[in-house]
N, C-alpha and C. Protein backbone atom coordinates (compact mmCIF):
# COMPACT_ATOMS: atom_id res chain seq x y z
N MET A 1 -7.46 15.02 -11.76
CA MET A 1 -6.17 15.06 -11.88
C MET A 1 -5.50 14.01 -12.67
N GLU A 2 -4.36 13.96 -13.10
CA GLU A 2 -3.78 13.20 -13.92
C GLU A 2 -2.39 12.76 -13.40
N LEU A 3 -2.03 11.37 -13.42
CA LEU A 3 -0.60 11.03 -13.08
C LEU A 3 0.32 10.56 -14.19
N THR A 4 1.33 11.29 -14.35
CA THR A 4 2.21 10.65 -15.47
C THR A 4 3.10 9.70 -15.01
N SER A 5 3.78 8.94 -15.87
CA SER A 5 4.73 7.98 -15.37
C SER A 5 6.08 8.28 -14.49
N SER A 6 6.23 9.74 -14.72
CA SER A 6 7.37 10.38 -13.90
C SER A 6 6.63 10.58 -12.66
N ASP A 7 5.59 11.01 -12.53
CA ASP A 7 4.82 11.12 -11.20
C ASP A 7 4.67 9.73 -10.49
N LEU A 8 4.38 8.93 -11.14
CA LEU A 8 4.30 7.46 -10.39
C LEU A 8 5.87 7.14 -9.69
N LYS A 9 6.82 7.30 -10.63
CA LYS A 9 8.07 7.02 -10.17
C LYS A 9 8.58 7.99 -9.05
N GLU A 10 8.00 9.15 -9.06
CA GLU A 10 8.35 10.02 -7.86
C GLU A 10 7.61 9.72 -6.76
N PHE A 11 6.43 9.12 -7.00
CA PHE A 11 5.45 8.62 -5.81
C PHE A 11 6.38 7.46 -5.01
N PHE A 12 6.91 6.62 -5.93
CA PHE A 12 7.54 5.44 -5.38
C PHE A 12 8.90 5.85 -4.44
N LYS A 13 9.37 7.03 -4.96
CA LYS A 13 10.57 7.44 -4.23
C LYS A 13 10.04 8.13 -2.97
N VAL A 14 8.63 8.60 -2.81
CA VAL A 14 8.21 9.27 -1.63
C VAL A 14 8.01 8.11 -0.62
N VAL A 15 7.42 7.03 -1.14
CA VAL A 15 7.29 5.84 -0.10
C VAL A 15 8.73 5.38 0.48
N VAL A 16 9.66 5.10 -0.42
CA VAL A 16 11.14 4.89 -0.03
C VAL A 16 11.42 5.65 1.33
N LYS A 17 11.38 7.15 0.99
CA LYS A 17 11.59 8.05 2.25
C LYS A 17 10.59 7.94 3.32
N MET A 18 9.66 7.87 3.24
CA MET A 18 8.51 7.55 4.17
C MET A 18 8.92 6.21 5.12
N ILE A 19 9.02 5.00 4.42
CA ILE A 19 9.26 3.92 4.99
C ILE A 19 10.65 3.92 6.05
N GLU A 20 11.48 4.63 5.46
CA GLU A 20 12.89 4.74 6.43
C GLU A 20 12.69 5.44 7.52
N GLU A 21 11.75 6.58 7.54
CA GLU A 21 11.15 7.42 8.47
C GLU A 21 10.48 6.80 9.54
N GLN A 22 9.72 5.64 9.03
CA GLN A 22 8.81 5.09 9.86
C GLN A 22 9.41 3.42 10.25
N LYS A 23 10.19 3.29 9.85
CA LYS A 23 10.87 1.93 9.90
C LYS A 23 10.84 1.39 11.50
N GLY A 24 11.40 2.42 12.40
CA GLY A 24 11.73 2.20 13.84
C GLY A 24 10.18 1.92 14.45
N TYR A 25 9.22 2.69 13.99
CA TYR A 25 7.65 2.59 14.64
C TYR A 25 7.36 1.24 14.10
N LEU A 26 7.50 0.96 12.92
CA LEU A 26 6.69 -0.35 12.34
C LEU A 26 7.35 -1.43 13.09
N CYS A 27 8.73 -1.56 13.45
CA CYS A 27 9.52 -2.64 14.19
C CYS A 27 8.70 -2.59 15.68
N GLU A 28 8.75 -1.36 16.08
CA GLU A 28 8.15 -1.35 17.65
C GLU A 28 6.78 -2.02 17.50
N LEU A 29 5.79 -1.83 16.63
CA LEU A 29 4.65 -2.18 16.59
C LEU A 29 4.69 -3.93 16.56
N ASP A 30 5.60 -4.30 15.77
CA ASP A 30 5.82 -5.66 15.37
C ASP A 30 6.45 -6.46 16.58
N ARG A 31 7.11 -5.87 17.51
CA ARG A 31 7.76 -6.38 18.73
C ARG A 31 6.47 -6.76 19.50
N LYS A 32 5.36 -6.28 19.52
CA LYS A 32 4.18 -6.86 20.42
C LYS A 32 3.54 -7.85 19.70
N LEU A 33 3.85 -8.32 18.65
CA LEU A 33 3.27 -9.29 17.71
C LEU A 33 3.96 -10.42 17.10
N GLY A 34 5.26 -10.02 16.74
CA GLY A 34 5.99 -10.59 16.12
C GLY A 34 7.49 -10.73 16.18
N ASP A 35 8.21 -10.68 15.14
CA ASP A 35 9.60 -11.09 15.21
C ASP A 35 10.14 -9.59 15.38
N GLY A 36 9.57 -8.44 15.27
CA GLY A 36 10.00 -7.03 15.59
C GLY A 36 10.69 -6.52 14.35
N ASP A 37 10.49 -7.12 13.19
CA ASP A 37 11.28 -6.68 12.16
C ASP A 37 10.61 -6.36 11.02
N HIS A 38 9.24 -6.03 11.09
CA HIS A 38 8.42 -5.63 9.82
C HIS A 38 8.91 -4.34 9.19
N GLY A 39 9.51 -3.31 9.84
CA GLY A 39 9.86 -2.02 9.55
C GLY A 39 11.33 -2.21 8.70
N VAL A 40 12.20 -3.29 9.13
CA VAL A 40 13.25 -3.60 8.47
C VAL A 40 13.08 -4.21 7.28
N THR A 41 12.15 -5.16 7.24
CA THR A 41 11.67 -5.79 6.12
C THR A 41 11.15 -4.90 5.08
N MET A 42 10.38 -4.00 5.41
CA MET A 42 9.97 -3.00 4.52
C MET A 42 10.83 -2.10 4.00
N SER A 43 11.71 -1.65 4.93
CA SER A 43 12.83 -0.97 4.05
C SER A 43 13.94 -1.78 3.48
N ILE A 44 14.10 -3.03 3.49
CA ILE A 44 14.51 -3.69 2.63
C ILE A 44 14.18 -3.93 1.18
N GLY A 45 12.98 -4.02 1.23
CA GLY A 45 12.09 -3.95 -0.10
C GLY A 45 12.24 -2.69 -0.63
N TRP A 46 11.75 -1.83 -0.19
CA TRP A 46 11.67 -0.26 -0.59
C TRP A 46 13.21 0.43 -0.94
N GLN A 47 14.18 -0.16 -0.18
CA GLN A 47 15.52 0.26 -0.69
C GLN A 47 16.02 -0.42 -2.16
N ALA A 48 15.47 -1.85 -2.37
CA ALA A 48 15.83 -2.23 -3.49
C ALA A 48 15.01 -1.67 -4.61
N ILE A 49 13.58 -1.21 -4.39
CA ILE A 49 13.17 -0.47 -5.33
C ILE A 49 13.62 0.90 -5.78
N ASN A 50 14.26 1.45 -4.71
CA ASN A 50 15.04 2.95 -4.98
C ASN A 50 16.07 2.60 -5.86
N GLU A 51 16.92 1.58 -5.68
CA GLU A 51 17.92 1.35 -6.72
C GLU A 51 17.56 1.23 -7.97
N VAL A 52 16.46 0.36 -8.15
CA VAL A 52 15.81 0.03 -9.38
C VAL A 52 15.34 1.44 -10.05
N LEU A 53 14.74 2.23 -9.18
CA LEU A 53 14.31 3.58 -9.77
C LEU A 53 15.17 4.53 -10.41
N GLU A 54 16.46 4.48 -9.56
CA GLU A 54 17.57 5.49 -9.94
C GLU A 54 18.44 4.60 -11.25
N ALA A 55 18.06 3.47 -11.55
CA ALA A 55 18.88 2.91 -12.55
C ALA A 55 17.89 2.41 -13.67
N ASP A 56 17.43 1.33 -13.56
CA ASP A 56 16.62 0.32 -14.68
C ASP A 56 15.40 1.24 -15.15
N LEU A 57 14.77 2.06 -14.25
CA LEU A 57 13.48 2.74 -14.78
C LEU A 57 13.58 4.12 -15.13
N ILE A 58 14.84 4.80 -15.04
CA ILE A 58 15.15 6.10 -15.44
C ILE A 58 14.16 6.48 -16.50
N GLY A 59 14.28 5.79 -17.87
CA GLY A 59 13.84 5.83 -19.04
C GLY A 59 12.46 5.39 -19.37
N GLU A 60 12.04 4.62 -18.49
CA GLU A 60 10.56 4.05 -18.63
C GLU A 60 9.56 4.77 -18.58
N ASP A 61 8.62 4.69 -19.55
CA ASP A 61 7.53 5.65 -19.31
C ASP A 61 6.19 5.00 -19.25
N ASP A 62 6.16 3.65 -19.38
CA ASP A 62 4.93 2.67 -19.50
C ASP A 62 4.32 2.86 -17.84
N CYS A 63 3.38 3.13 -17.26
CA CYS A 63 3.22 3.18 -15.92
C CYS A 63 3.01 1.53 -15.45
N GLY A 64 2.32 0.73 -16.53
CA GLY A 64 2.36 -0.63 -16.16
C GLY A 64 3.56 -1.21 -15.67
N LYS A 65 4.31 -1.26 -16.74
CA LYS A 65 5.62 -1.68 -16.47
C LYS A 65 6.39 -1.31 -15.34
N ILE A 66 6.34 0.16 -15.14
CA ILE A 66 6.74 0.46 -13.72
C ILE A 66 6.20 -0.22 -12.56
N SER A 67 5.15 -0.41 -12.55
CA SER A 67 4.45 -0.91 -11.30
C SER A 67 4.82 -2.61 -11.39
N VAL A 68 4.87 -3.21 -12.58
CA VAL A 68 5.21 -4.40 -12.38
C VAL A 68 6.62 -4.76 -11.98
N ILE A 69 7.53 -3.93 -12.47
CA ILE A 69 9.16 -3.96 -12.04
C ILE A 69 9.20 -3.75 -10.44
N VAL A 70 8.56 -2.61 -10.08
CA VAL A 70 8.43 -2.32 -8.59
C VAL A 70 7.92 -3.56 -7.78
N GLY A 71 6.83 -4.10 -8.31
CA GLY A 71 6.18 -5.26 -7.50
C GLY A 71 7.40 -6.66 -7.44
N LYS A 72 7.94 -6.74 -8.49
CA LYS A 72 8.98 -7.86 -8.76
C LYS A 72 10.08 -7.44 -8.11
N THR A 73 10.58 -6.36 -7.84
CA THR A 73 11.61 -6.11 -7.04
C THR A 73 11.39 -6.33 -5.54
N PHE A 74 10.26 -5.75 -5.23
CA PHE A 74 9.96 -5.92 -3.72
C PHE A 74 9.84 -7.31 -3.44
N LEU A 75 9.32 -8.20 -4.18
CA LEU A 75 9.13 -9.65 -3.96
C LEU A 75 10.60 -10.25 -4.00
N ASN A 76 11.64 -9.88 -4.83
CA ASN A 76 12.74 -10.59 -4.89
C ASN A 76 13.66 -10.15 -3.80
N ALA A 77 13.38 -8.92 -3.09
CA ALA A 77 14.16 -8.45 -2.10
C ALA A 77 13.67 -8.80 -0.67
N VAL A 78 12.40 -9.36 -0.67
CA VAL A 78 11.85 -9.57 0.78
C VAL A 78 11.39 -11.02 0.71
N GLY A 79 11.78 -11.84 1.67
CA GLY A 79 11.66 -13.22 1.95
C GLY A 79 10.24 -13.53 2.55
N SER A 80 10.03 -12.51 3.36
CA SER A 80 8.74 -12.91 4.20
C SER A 80 7.39 -12.94 3.44
N SER A 81 6.44 -12.97 4.15
CA SER A 81 5.10 -13.32 3.62
C SER A 81 4.50 -11.96 2.90
N VAL A 82 5.05 -10.67 3.36
CA VAL A 82 4.51 -9.52 2.75
C VAL A 82 4.86 -9.40 1.36
N GLY A 83 6.21 -9.92 0.98
CA GLY A 83 6.72 -9.94 -0.40
C GLY A 83 5.74 -10.17 -1.52
N PRO A 84 5.00 -11.21 -1.31
CA PRO A 84 4.06 -11.64 -2.33
C PRO A 84 2.96 -11.01 -2.27
N LEU A 85 2.50 -10.52 -1.01
CA LEU A 85 1.37 -9.62 -1.06
C LEU A 85 1.32 -8.41 -1.87
N TYR A 86 2.55 -7.53 -1.36
CA TYR A 86 2.50 -6.34 -2.18
C TYR A 86 2.92 -6.36 -3.75
N ALA A 87 3.77 -7.38 -3.92
CA ALA A 87 4.03 -7.72 -5.34
C ALA A 87 2.74 -7.97 -5.88
N THR A 88 1.85 -8.69 -5.60
CA THR A 88 0.58 -9.01 -6.23
C THR A 88 -0.24 -7.81 -6.23
N GLY A 89 -0.23 -6.96 -5.35
CA GLY A 89 -0.97 -5.63 -5.28
C GLY A 89 -0.56 -4.73 -6.51
N LEU A 90 0.59 -4.69 -6.46
CA LEU A 90 1.35 -3.67 -7.41
C LEU A 90 1.05 -4.42 -9.00
N MET A 91 1.23 -5.70 -9.02
CA MET A 91 0.92 -6.25 -10.43
C MET A 91 -0.39 -6.24 -10.81
N ARG A 92 -1.30 -6.36 -10.02
CA ARG A 92 -2.75 -6.05 -10.38
C ARG A 92 -3.01 -4.66 -10.79
N GLY A 93 -2.38 -3.78 -10.01
CA GLY A 93 -2.59 -2.21 -10.34
C GLY A 93 -1.77 -2.13 -11.82
N ALA A 94 -0.88 -2.73 -12.02
CA ALA A 94 -0.37 -2.70 -13.34
C ALA A 94 -0.97 -3.09 -14.35
N LYS A 95 -1.89 -4.02 -14.20
CA LYS A 95 -2.88 -4.50 -15.54
C LYS A 95 -3.76 -3.27 -15.91
N VAL A 96 -4.18 -2.37 -14.78
CA VAL A 96 -4.96 -1.33 -15.21
C VAL A 96 -4.08 -0.13 -15.82
N ALA A 97 -2.86 0.00 -15.29
CA ALA A 97 -1.88 0.90 -15.91
C ALA A 97 -1.16 0.49 -17.26
N LYS A 98 -1.25 -0.73 -17.77
CA LYS A 98 -0.65 -1.13 -19.03
C LYS A 98 -0.72 -0.35 -20.21
N LYS A 99 0.55 -0.11 -20.65
CA LYS A 99 0.67 0.72 -21.83
C LYS A 99 0.23 2.17 -21.61
N LYS A 100 0.03 2.77 -20.30
CA LYS A 100 -0.35 4.35 -20.05
C LYS A 100 0.90 4.79 -19.88
N THR A 101 0.90 5.90 -20.38
CA THR A 101 2.18 7.12 -19.91
C THR A 101 1.43 8.11 -18.92
N VAL A 102 0.22 8.09 -19.00
CA VAL A 102 -0.64 8.86 -17.97
C VAL A 102 -1.93 8.11 -17.69
N MET A 103 -2.12 8.22 -16.37
CA MET A 103 -3.22 7.90 -15.67
C MET A 103 -4.25 8.73 -15.24
N ASN A 104 -5.43 8.70 -15.82
CA ASN A 104 -6.60 9.56 -15.41
C ASN A 104 -7.28 9.26 -14.00
N GLU A 105 -8.40 10.02 -13.60
CA GLU A 105 -8.93 9.67 -12.56
C GLU A 105 -9.62 8.15 -12.50
N ASP A 106 -10.25 7.97 -13.45
CA ASP A 106 -10.85 6.56 -13.42
C ASP A 106 -9.64 5.40 -13.37
N ASP A 107 -8.47 5.85 -14.38
CA ASP A 107 -7.47 4.73 -14.08
C ASP A 107 -6.79 4.80 -12.65
N LEU A 108 -6.65 5.92 -11.73
CA LEU A 108 -6.26 5.97 -10.57
C LEU A 108 -7.13 4.98 -9.60
N ALA A 109 -8.49 5.51 -9.55
CA ALA A 109 -9.33 4.70 -8.85
C ALA A 109 -9.10 3.24 -8.93
N ALA A 110 -9.30 2.85 -10.38
CA ALA A 110 -9.17 1.30 -10.61
C ALA A 110 -7.84 0.84 -10.15
N TYR A 111 -6.70 1.33 -10.40
CA TYR A 111 -5.35 0.81 -9.61
C TYR A 111 -5.31 0.69 -8.65
N TRP A 112 -6.03 1.59 -7.72
CA TRP A 112 -5.78 1.53 -6.28
C TRP A 112 -6.77 0.19 -5.53
N ILE A 113 -7.99 0.22 -6.22
CA ILE A 113 -8.83 -0.71 -6.02
C ILE A 113 -8.36 -2.11 -6.28
N ALA A 114 -7.68 -2.18 -7.50
CA ALA A 114 -7.30 -3.42 -7.97
C ALA A 114 -5.88 -3.89 -6.97
N PHE A 115 -5.13 -2.99 -6.53
CA PHE A 115 -4.13 -3.16 -5.54
C PHE A 115 -4.52 -3.68 -4.34
N ALA A 116 -5.59 -3.11 -3.62
CA ALA A 116 -5.98 -3.63 -2.39
C ALA A 116 -6.54 -4.87 -2.37
N ARG A 117 -7.31 -5.34 -3.47
CA ARG A 117 -8.15 -6.39 -3.56
C ARG A 117 -7.15 -7.58 -4.14
N GLY A 118 -6.22 -7.17 -4.82
CA GLY A 118 -4.91 -8.29 -5.25
C GLY A 118 -4.56 -8.52 -3.74
N ILE A 119 -4.19 -7.85 -2.94
CA ILE A 119 -3.50 -8.21 -1.72
C ILE A 119 -4.34 -9.00 -0.82
N LYS A 120 -5.81 -8.56 -0.96
CA LYS A 120 -6.68 -9.63 -0.13
C LYS A 120 -6.94 -10.98 -0.59
N GLU A 121 -6.91 -11.15 -2.18
CA GLU A 121 -7.08 -12.29 -2.59
C GLU A 121 -5.80 -13.10 -2.57
N ARG A 122 -4.71 -12.36 -2.47
CA ARG A 122 -3.54 -13.44 -2.42
C ARG A 122 -3.20 -13.70 -0.89
N GLY A 123 -3.72 -12.70 0.07
CA GLY A 123 -3.24 -13.26 1.34
C GLY A 123 -4.55 -14.13 2.01
N GLN A 124 -5.62 -14.15 1.31
CA GLN A 124 -6.76 -15.13 1.76
C GLN A 124 -7.11 -14.59 3.12
N ALA A 125 -7.19 -13.22 3.51
CA ALA A 125 -7.76 -12.86 4.62
C ALA A 125 -8.84 -12.17 4.75
N GLU A 126 -9.57 -11.81 5.80
CA GLU A 126 -10.70 -11.08 5.70
C GLU A 126 -10.85 -10.10 6.83
N ILE A 127 -11.62 -9.13 6.96
CA ILE A 127 -11.79 -8.10 7.94
C ILE A 127 -11.97 -8.65 9.27
N GLY A 128 -11.05 -8.36 10.14
CA GLY A 128 -11.42 -9.16 11.57
C GLY A 128 -10.10 -9.84 11.85
N ASP A 129 -9.31 -10.31 10.63
CA ASP A 129 -8.21 -11.22 11.01
C ASP A 129 -7.08 -10.58 11.63
N LYS A 130 -7.19 -9.39 11.77
CA LYS A 130 -5.96 -8.47 12.09
C LYS A 130 -4.75 -8.52 11.44
N THR A 131 -5.03 -8.11 10.17
CA THR A 131 -3.97 -8.19 9.02
C THR A 131 -3.93 -6.85 8.27
N MET A 132 -3.39 -6.35 7.09
CA MET A 132 -3.20 -5.58 6.32
C MET A 132 -4.78 -5.28 5.79
N VAL A 133 -5.60 -6.50 5.66
CA VAL A 133 -6.62 -6.34 4.87
C VAL A 133 -7.72 -5.50 5.93
N ASP A 134 -7.45 -5.41 7.13
CA ASP A 134 -8.30 -4.45 7.88
C ASP A 134 -8.17 -3.08 7.37
N THR A 135 -6.92 -2.63 7.04
CA THR A 135 -6.98 -1.35 6.12
C THR A 135 -7.31 -1.55 5.02
N LEU A 136 -6.98 -2.36 3.98
CA LEU A 136 -7.17 -2.16 2.62
C LEU A 136 -8.52 -2.55 2.05
N GLU A 137 -9.33 -3.37 2.83
CA GLU A 137 -10.65 -3.58 2.27
C GLU A 137 -11.56 -2.48 2.47
N PRO A 138 -11.59 -1.82 3.77
CA PRO A 138 -12.38 -0.69 3.93
C PRO A 138 -12.06 0.51 2.96
N PHE A 139 -10.67 0.62 3.05
CA PHE A 139 -10.42 1.49 1.86
C PHE A 139 -10.78 1.24 0.47
N ALA A 140 -10.69 -0.10 -0.03
CA ALA A 140 -11.12 -0.14 -1.59
C ALA A 140 -12.54 -0.21 -1.56
N ASN A 141 -13.34 -0.49 -0.78
CA ASN A 141 -14.68 -0.33 -0.60
C ASN A 141 -15.31 1.21 -0.75
N GLU A 142 -14.48 2.00 0.03
CA GLU A 142 -14.96 3.21 0.00
C GLU A 142 -14.77 4.14 -1.10
N LEU A 143 -13.59 3.70 -1.47
CA LEU A 143 -12.82 4.25 -2.83
C LEU A 143 -13.94 4.13 -3.91
N GLU A 144 -14.30 2.82 -4.08
CA GLU A 144 -15.27 2.12 -4.94
C GLU A 144 -16.54 2.98 -4.99
N SER A 145 -17.05 3.07 -3.68
CA SER A 145 -18.36 3.73 -3.53
C SER A 145 -18.52 5.09 -3.67
N LYS A 146 -17.41 5.90 -3.19
CA LYS A 146 -17.40 7.35 -3.38
C LYS A 146 -17.04 7.68 -4.72
N PHE A 147 -16.13 7.15 -5.39
CA PHE A 147 -15.82 7.43 -6.82
C PHE A 147 -16.89 7.15 -7.65
N GLU A 148 -17.64 6.16 -7.38
CA GLU A 148 -18.72 5.95 -8.31
C GLU A 148 -19.90 7.00 -8.33
N LYS A 149 -19.87 7.82 -7.21
CA LYS A 149 -20.95 8.82 -6.88
C LYS A 149 -20.33 10.05 -7.42
N SER A 150 -19.15 10.44 -7.22
CA SER A 150 -18.81 11.78 -7.46
C SER A 150 -17.66 11.86 -8.47
N HIS A 151 -17.15 10.93 -8.93
CA HIS A 151 -16.14 10.96 -9.89
C HIS A 151 -15.16 11.94 -9.75
N ASN A 152 -14.75 12.23 -8.39
CA ASN A 152 -13.81 13.21 -7.91
C ASN A 152 -12.88 12.29 -7.40
N PHE A 153 -11.42 12.01 -7.92
CA PHE A 153 -10.62 11.08 -7.49
C PHE A 153 -10.20 11.47 -6.01
N ILE A 154 -9.63 12.75 -6.09
CA ILE A 154 -8.93 13.09 -4.62
C ILE A 154 -10.09 13.17 -3.51
N GLU A 155 -11.32 13.42 -3.83
CA GLU A 155 -12.29 13.54 -2.59
C GLU A 155 -12.51 12.14 -2.30
N ALA A 156 -12.65 11.31 -3.43
CA ALA A 156 -12.92 9.81 -2.93
C ALA A 156 -11.87 9.17 -2.16
N PHE A 157 -10.84 9.46 -2.74
CA PHE A 157 -9.56 8.91 -2.04
C PHE A 157 -9.25 9.36 -0.69
N GLY A 158 -9.67 10.48 -0.36
CA GLY A 158 -9.54 11.16 1.04
C GLY A 158 -10.45 10.32 1.96
N TYR A 159 -11.65 10.16 1.40
CA TYR A 159 -12.77 9.23 2.47
C TYR A 159 -12.19 7.85 2.30
N ALA A 160 -11.71 7.33 1.26
CA ALA A 160 -10.95 5.89 1.34
C ALA A 160 -9.92 5.78 2.35
N VAL A 161 -9.02 6.94 2.35
CA VAL A 161 -7.81 6.62 3.38
C VAL A 161 -8.39 6.81 4.86
N LYS A 162 -9.21 7.68 4.97
CA LYS A 162 -9.99 7.66 6.37
C LYS A 162 -10.68 6.41 6.74
N ALA A 163 -11.38 5.61 5.94
CA ALA A 163 -11.89 4.40 5.98
C ALA A 163 -10.82 3.37 6.67
N GLY A 164 -9.50 3.56 5.71
CA GLY A 164 -8.35 2.74 5.79
C GLY A 164 -7.91 2.70 7.53
N GLU A 165 -7.81 4.31 7.85
CA GLU A 165 -7.37 4.67 9.02
C GLU A 165 -7.92 3.78 10.07
N GLU A 166 -9.45 4.03 10.05
CA GLU A 166 -10.32 3.39 10.94
C GLU A 166 -10.16 1.85 11.01
N GLY A 167 -9.84 1.32 9.82
CA GLY A 167 -9.94 -0.14 9.93
C GLY A 167 -8.41 -0.48 10.66
N MET A 168 -7.38 0.29 10.16
CA MET A 168 -6.03 0.11 10.92
C MET A 168 -6.26 0.09 12.86
N GLN A 169 -6.93 1.34 13.02
CA GLN A 169 -7.10 1.24 14.26
C GLN A 169 -7.96 0.21 15.06
N SER A 170 -8.67 -0.38 14.22
CA SER A 170 -9.53 -1.39 14.86
C SER A 170 -8.89 -2.78 15.08
N THR A 171 -7.53 -2.69 14.48
CA THR A 171 -6.67 -4.00 14.82
C THR A 171 -6.41 -3.85 16.20
N LYS A 172 -6.34 -2.85 17.01
CA LYS A 172 -6.12 -2.83 18.34
C LYS A 172 -7.03 -3.77 19.19
N ASP A 173 -8.18 -3.81 18.82
CA ASP A 173 -9.17 -4.44 19.63
C ASP A 173 -9.63 -5.96 19.02
N ILE A 174 -8.64 -6.49 17.84
CA ILE A 174 -8.88 -7.64 17.58
C ILE A 174 -7.83 -8.80 17.84
N ILE A 175 -8.53 -9.99 17.96
CA ILE A 175 -7.36 -11.14 18.21
C ILE A 175 -6.81 -11.71 16.97
N SER A 176 -5.65 -11.74 16.99
CA SER A 176 -4.92 -12.07 15.66
C SER A 176 -5.33 -13.71 15.08
N LYS A 177 -5.60 -13.62 14.02
CA LYS A 177 -6.02 -15.09 13.21
C LYS A 177 -5.20 -15.57 12.37
N LYS A 178 -4.20 -14.70 11.88
CA LYS A 178 -3.29 -14.96 10.88
C LYS A 178 -1.99 -15.02 11.11
N GLY A 179 -1.11 -15.92 10.67
CA GLY A 179 0.30 -15.58 10.75
C GLY A 179 0.84 -15.88 12.38
N ARG A 180 2.18 -15.45 12.39
CA ARG A 180 2.72 -15.94 13.87
C ARG A 180 2.02 -15.46 15.01
N SER A 181 1.47 -14.21 14.76
CA SER A 181 0.91 -13.63 15.78
C SER A 181 -0.39 -14.45 16.39
N SER A 182 -0.84 -15.00 15.23
CA SER A 182 -2.13 -15.67 15.94
C SER A 182 -1.96 -16.84 17.03
N ARG A 183 -0.62 -17.26 17.27
CA ARG A 183 -0.22 -18.08 18.68
C ARG A 183 -0.50 -17.46 19.76
N LEU A 184 -0.49 -15.84 19.79
CA LEU A 184 -0.80 -15.12 21.00
C LEU A 184 -2.05 -14.99 21.52
N GLY A 185 -3.12 -15.49 20.68
CA GLY A 185 -4.50 -15.56 21.33
C GLY A 185 -4.94 -14.18 21.73
N GLY A 186 -5.50 -14.03 23.11
CA GLY A 186 -6.03 -12.89 23.59
C GLY A 186 -5.09 -11.95 23.77
N ARG A 187 -3.75 -12.49 23.92
CA ARG A 187 -2.59 -11.63 24.31
C ARG A 187 -2.43 -10.51 23.30
N SER A 188 -2.98 -10.80 21.92
CA SER A 188 -2.71 -9.93 20.84
C SER A 188 -3.50 -8.48 20.57
N ILE A 189 -4.59 -8.69 21.61
CA ILE A 189 -5.46 -7.24 21.91
C ILE A 189 -4.87 -6.37 22.51
N GLY A 190 -5.15 -5.32 21.87
CA GLY A 190 -4.37 -3.79 22.53
C GLY A 190 -3.25 -3.89 21.72
N ALA A 191 -2.55 -4.55 20.52
CA ALA A 191 -1.61 -4.08 19.74
C ALA A 191 -2.29 -3.73 18.48
N GLN A 192 -1.65 -2.88 17.72
CA GLN A 192 -2.10 -2.49 16.45
C GLN A 192 -1.24 -3.28 15.53
N ASP A 193 -1.87 -3.79 14.54
CA ASP A 193 -1.14 -4.71 13.52
C ASP A 193 -0.15 -3.83 12.52
N PRO A 194 1.01 -4.40 12.60
CA PRO A 194 1.87 -3.62 11.75
C PRO A 194 1.75 -3.65 10.33
N GLY A 195 1.32 -4.68 9.82
CA GLY A 195 0.84 -4.53 8.22
C GLY A 195 -0.03 -3.86 7.99
N ALA A 196 -1.22 -3.75 8.83
CA ALA A 196 -2.06 -2.65 8.46
C ALA A 196 -1.86 -1.42 8.51
N THR A 197 -0.71 -1.28 9.35
CA THR A 197 -0.15 0.14 9.67
C THR A 197 0.66 0.67 8.35
N SER A 198 1.47 -0.30 7.70
CA SER A 198 2.33 0.04 6.86
C SER A 198 1.60 0.33 5.64
N ALA A 199 0.46 -0.52 5.40
CA ALA A 199 -0.39 -0.27 4.37
C ALA A 199 -1.13 1.11 4.46
N TYR A 200 -1.46 1.61 5.53
CA TYR A 200 -2.16 2.70 5.70
C TYR A 200 -1.20 3.88 5.50
N LEU A 201 -0.01 3.91 6.04
CA LEU A 201 1.09 4.78 5.74
C LEU A 201 1.48 4.99 4.13
N ILE A 202 1.34 3.87 3.29
CA ILE A 202 1.28 4.06 1.97
C ILE A 202 0.28 4.52 1.33
N LEU A 203 -0.89 4.20 1.66
CA LEU A 203 -2.07 5.00 1.29
C LEU A 203 -2.12 6.52 1.43
N SER A 204 -1.77 6.79 2.85
CA SER A 204 -1.87 8.02 3.31
C SER A 204 -0.71 8.90 2.46
N ALA A 205 0.45 8.31 2.40
CA ALA A 205 1.48 9.04 1.39
C ALA A 205 1.11 9.50 0.18
N PHE A 206 0.35 8.39 -0.55
CA PHE A 206 -0.25 8.73 -1.96
C PHE A 206 -1.34 9.92 -1.73
N GLN A 207 -1.86 9.77 -0.74
CA GLN A 207 -3.15 10.88 -0.78
C GLN A 207 -2.46 12.28 -0.64
N GLN A 208 -1.53 12.41 0.26
CA GLN A 208 -0.45 13.48 0.25
C GLN A 208 -0.03 13.93 -1.07
N PHE A 209 0.60 13.08 -1.75
CA PHE A 209 1.28 13.41 -3.05
C PHE A 209 0.30 13.63 -4.30
N ALA A 210 -0.87 13.03 -4.15
CA ALA A 210 -1.93 13.28 -5.29
C ALA A 210 -2.48 14.83 -4.76
N GLU A 211 -2.74 15.30 -3.68
CA GLU A 211 -3.54 16.41 -3.31
C GLU A 211 -2.16 17.40 -3.57
N SER A 212 -1.09 17.25 -3.49
CA SER A 212 0.05 17.86 -3.94
C SER A 212 0.12 18.15 -5.34
N ARG A 213 0.15 17.42 -6.19
CA ARG A 213 -0.06 17.39 -7.66
C ARG A 213 -1.17 18.05 -8.07
N SER A 214 -2.13 17.72 -7.51
CA SER A 214 -3.46 18.45 -7.91
C SER A 214 -3.52 19.98 -7.54
N THR A 215 -2.92 20.37 -6.55
CA THR A 215 -2.62 21.67 -6.38
C THR A 215 -1.87 22.48 -7.27
N GLN A 216 -0.67 21.74 -7.55
CA GLN A 216 0.31 22.17 -8.65
C GLN A 216 -0.57 22.65 -9.81
N VAL A 217 -1.33 21.63 -10.28
CA VAL A 217 -1.76 21.74 -11.80
C VAL A 217 -2.89 22.99 -11.76
N SER A 218 -3.87 22.87 -10.57
CA SER A 218 -4.55 23.89 -10.56
C SER A 218 -4.39 25.23 -10.31
């Protein structure tokens, strides 16, 4: 499959809508571990992105520039730690997409691997810390491995999202080691990490979006 700059902008609009739908759920998860505002924080960031998509990015056709602007917009709108994380992921992906109006399957695999690993590097977290890395690292590893073997992006991305989902679910059984929730110690066991959840929801949204685009083309 291929993803055009218009498709990329359309995907980001899909995320805007999805975050609004999941805002309450993400806040509910966060109430068990933090301030209960993760859904609101994500909503603020993506609503700011929506404004940019409907104004500044209408005529932009460089996928790299689109991703950079989306990342910087999220960072400027969100004051919490999640802002720099997603901004870094999007800007790392932008390096792959630089000066491209269309991304092919190799580009897409590289984009999402760079996205996930950029967030891990910026957050300095590891699998087992009960963070979004518990979703993103298994996802990136599986995407890299499966795509290298099959060179089928849709298939590889599906396996990767499944690995990310399993990582997200594993956070229920982990003691939090990062951020404010780390003060809970053993009381954090049983609660699914909201950051790992929102990361999974974004990846899952792209899987559905890509599958839909692939079906339309075929």
